[in-house]
Protein backbone atom coordinates (compact mmCIF):
# COMPACT_ATOMS: atom_id res chain seq x y z
CA MET A 1 46.65 -18.51 9.87
CA VAL A 2 46.31 -17.15 6.31
CA LYS A 3 43.11 -19.17 5.77
CA ILE A 4 41.52 -17.63 8.85
CA ARG A 5 42.20 -14.14 7.48
CA TYR A 6 40.54 -15.04 4.16
CA ILE A 7 37.54 -16.52 5.94
CA ALA A 8 37.25 -13.48 8.22
CA ALA A 9 37.52 -11.14 5.22
CA ALA A 10 34.83 -13.11 3.35
CA VAL A 11 32.50 -13.02 6.37
CA LEU A 12 33.02 -9.26 6.76
CA LEU A 13 32.36 -8.74 3.06
CA LEU A 14 29.11 -10.73 3.27
CA LEU A 15 28.03 -8.75 6.36
CA ALA A 16 28.79 -5.48 4.55
CA ILE A 17 26.73 -6.54 1.51
CA TRP A 18 23.86 -7.63 3.76
CA ALA A 19 23.98 -4.29 5.65
CA VAL A 20 23.87 -2.28 2.41
CA ILE A 21 20.87 -4.26 1.16
CA GLN A 22 19.00 -3.85 4.45
CA LEU A 23 19.86 -0.20 5.10
CA PHE A 24 19.41 1.04 1.54
CA PRO A 25 16.29 -0.65 0.21
CA GLY A 26 15.73 -0.79 -3.50
CA GLU A 27 12.95 0.98 -5.32
CA GLU A 28 10.76 -2.14 -5.22
CA LYS A 29 10.86 -2.14 -1.42
CA ARG A 30 10.00 1.55 -1.36
CA VAL A 31 6.99 0.92 -3.61
CA LYS A 32 5.82 -1.98 -1.44
CA LYS A 33 6.19 0.18 1.67
CA GLN A 34 3.45 2.46 0.32
CA PHE A 35 1.07 -0.51 0.27
CA HIS A 36 2.01 -1.35 3.85
CA LEU A 37 1.21 2.24 4.87
CA MET A 38 -2.08 2.19 2.96
CA ALA A 39 -3.16 -1.02 4.72
CA LYS A 40 -2.13 0.40 8.10
CA TRP A 41 -4.02 3.67 7.66
CA VAL A 42 -7.19 2.19 6.13
CA SER A 43 -7.51 -0.55 8.74
CA LYS A 44 -9.50 0.15 11.90
CA GLU A 45 -9.45 -1.49 15.31
CA HIS A 46 -12.52 -1.86 17.51
CA GLY A 47 -12.89 1.24 19.69
CA GLU A 48 -10.54 3.41 17.64
CA HIS A 49 -10.28 6.89 19.12
CA THR A 50 -11.28 9.92 16.99
CA VAL A 51 -7.78 11.37 17.32
CA THR A 52 -6.38 8.17 15.79
CA MET A 53 -8.96 8.35 13.01
CA ALA A 54 -7.99 11.95 12.24
CA TYR A 55 -4.29 11.03 12.20
CA LYS A 56 -4.89 8.13 9.81
CA THR A 57 -7.04 10.27 7.51
CA LYS A 58 -4.41 13.01 7.33
CA SER A 59 -1.66 10.41 6.82
CA MET A 60 -3.55 8.82 3.90
CA GLU A 61 -3.33 12.10 2.00
CA SER A 62 0.45 11.69 1.78
CA LEU A 63 0.09 8.49 -0.29
CA PHE A 64 -1.57 10.03 -3.36
CA TYR A 65 -0.38 11.95 -6.39
CA PRO A 66 -1.99 15.44 -6.73
CA LYS A 67 -4.55 13.96 -9.15
CA CYS A 68 -5.20 10.24 -8.71
CA GLU A 69 -7.35 8.29 -11.16
CA VAL A 70 -9.59 5.72 -9.47
CA ASN A 71 -11.73 3.10 -11.21
CA LEU A 72 -13.57 0.71 -8.86
CA PRO A 73 -16.57 -0.70 -10.80
CA PRO A 74 -17.72 -3.04 -7.96
CA TYR A 75 -18.35 0.08 -5.86
CA SER A 76 -19.51 2.36 -8.72
CA PHE A 77 -16.68 4.71 -7.84
CA SER A 78 -14.50 6.31 -10.47
CA GLY A 79 -12.95 9.61 -11.38
CA LEU A 80 -9.97 11.87 -10.88
CA PHE A 81 -9.50 12.86 -7.23
CA THR A 82 -7.22 14.95 -5.03
CA PRO A 83 -5.46 13.35 -2.05
CA GLU A 84 -7.78 15.20 0.31
CA GLU A 85 -10.87 13.88 -1.47
CA LEU A 86 -9.62 10.29 -1.43
CA ALA A 87 -8.68 10.44 2.25
CA GLY A 88 -12.09 11.93 2.99
CA TYR A 89 -13.91 9.13 1.15
CA ALA A 90 -11.80 6.52 2.95
CA SER A 91 -12.56 8.18 6.28
CA GLN A 92 -16.31 8.23 5.55
CA GLY A 93 -16.19 4.54 4.61
CA ARG A 94 -14.34 3.67 7.82
CA LEU A 95 -17.13 5.26 9.89
CA TYR A 96 -19.51 2.41 8.95
CA PHE A 97 -17.15 -0.20 10.40
CA ASP A 98 -16.46 -1.28 13.93
CA ASP A 99 -13.47 -3.31 12.78
CA LEU A 100 -11.74 -3.23 9.38
CA GLN A 101 -8.61 -4.81 7.92
CA LEU A 102 -7.07 -4.21 4.50
CA ARG A 103 -4.36 -6.57 3.33
CA PHE A 104 -2.40 -6.82 0.10
CA TYR A 105 -1.09 -10.07 -1.39
CA ASP A 106 1.05 -11.14 -4.35
CA LEU A 107 2.43 -7.69 -5.16
CA ALA A 108 4.13 -7.84 -8.57
CA VAL A 109 6.08 -4.63 -9.20
CA ALA A 110 7.16 -3.72 -12.75
CA PHE A 111 8.96 -0.47 -13.50
CA ARG A 112 7.83 1.16 -16.74
CA ASP A 113 10.65 3.67 -16.41
CA ARG A 114 12.66 5.22 -13.57
CA GLY A 115 9.71 7.25 -12.36
CA THR A 116 6.69 4.96 -12.85
CA ALA A 117 5.87 1.61 -11.26
CA GLU A 118 2.96 -0.64 -12.16
CA VAL A 119 1.84 -2.99 -9.40
CA ASN A 120 -0.56 -5.91 -9.85
CA PHE A 121 -1.88 -7.41 -6.62
CA THR A 122 -4.75 -8.90 -4.66
CA ALA A 123 -6.50 -6.81 -2.01
CA LYS A 124 -8.56 -8.38 0.75
CA LEU A 125 -10.93 -6.29 2.83
CA THR A 126 -12.41 -7.90 5.93
CA GLY A 127 -14.29 -6.52 8.88
CA LYS A 128 -17.47 -6.05 10.78
CA THR A 129 -19.92 -3.20 10.26
CA LYS A 130 -21.47 -1.31 13.16
CA ASN A 131 -24.65 -3.31 12.41
CA GLY A 132 -22.78 -6.56 13.00
CA GLU A 133 -22.57 -7.63 9.33
CA LEU A 134 -19.39 -9.40 8.31
CA VAL A 135 -17.50 -8.16 5.25
CA ASP A 136 -15.04 -10.32 3.33
CA GLU A 137 -14.13 -9.07 -0.15
CA THR A 138 -11.21 -9.88 -2.41
CA HIS A 139 -10.33 -8.04 -5.62
CA GLU A 140 -7.51 -8.02 -8.17
CA LEU A 141 -6.15 -4.54 -8.74
CA VAL A 142 -3.52 -2.68 -10.70
CA CYS A 143 -1.94 0.56 -9.54
CA LEU A 144 0.42 3.07 -11.06
CA LEU A 145 2.76 4.83 -8.70
CA HIS A 146 4.84 7.87 -9.61
CA LYS A 147 8.16 8.71 -8.05
CA THR A 148 8.33 12.25 -6.69
CA GLU A 149 10.56 14.10 -4.25
CA LYS A 150 8.08 12.90 -1.56
CA GLY A 151 8.54 9.26 -2.59
CA TRP A 152 6.31 6.88 -4.52
CA LEU A 153 2.72 8.14 -4.78
CA PHE A 154 -0.43 6.39 -6.03
CA GLY A 155 -1.45 7.91 -9.37
CA LYS A 156 -3.97 5.31 -10.53
CA ILE A 157 -5.95 2.59 -8.76
CA GLU A 158 -8.09 0.21 -10.79
CA VAL A 159 -9.95 -3.04 -10.15
CA VAL A 160 -9.12 -5.67 -12.76
CA GLU A 161 -12.05 -7.78 -13.84
CA VAL A 162 -11.23 -11.44 -13.42
CA LEU A 163 -13.01 -13.97 -15.64
CA LYS A 164 -15.28 -16.34 -13.75
CA ARG A 165 -15.11 -20.06 -14.47
């Protein structure tokens, strides 16, 4: 009878620990959630309605720090931009596609301090233009995110040049 109580107590303790971990995600999960949102709002399904496009564009603005540094040499795109400018550029780019998917892989999060996270990852952009051309690009990137009262926001996005063999 005593053993059953100890086993029941241990099971309840494990369930409580699991619940705390799931209900109160750590900072790393919060940082990774921003990438999930970015992929969701950049991606486009065939036949997307203009109301959906406007919602996604407006939502993208909430992901960026007031001034976000961007350096994307493969696209000859760099500078310091506001969230509205970045969402606008993303929206303009989405117009050329009938179907577009953005996915992130191998996210490695390192916290420089309590308020700054550096994330190294692989981004894969696939889709089909309105002209029927297929797009399949993969790049290594590094991002800096800053913790604010609104959550983790992208402060720097940069393509990392990978050496070719």
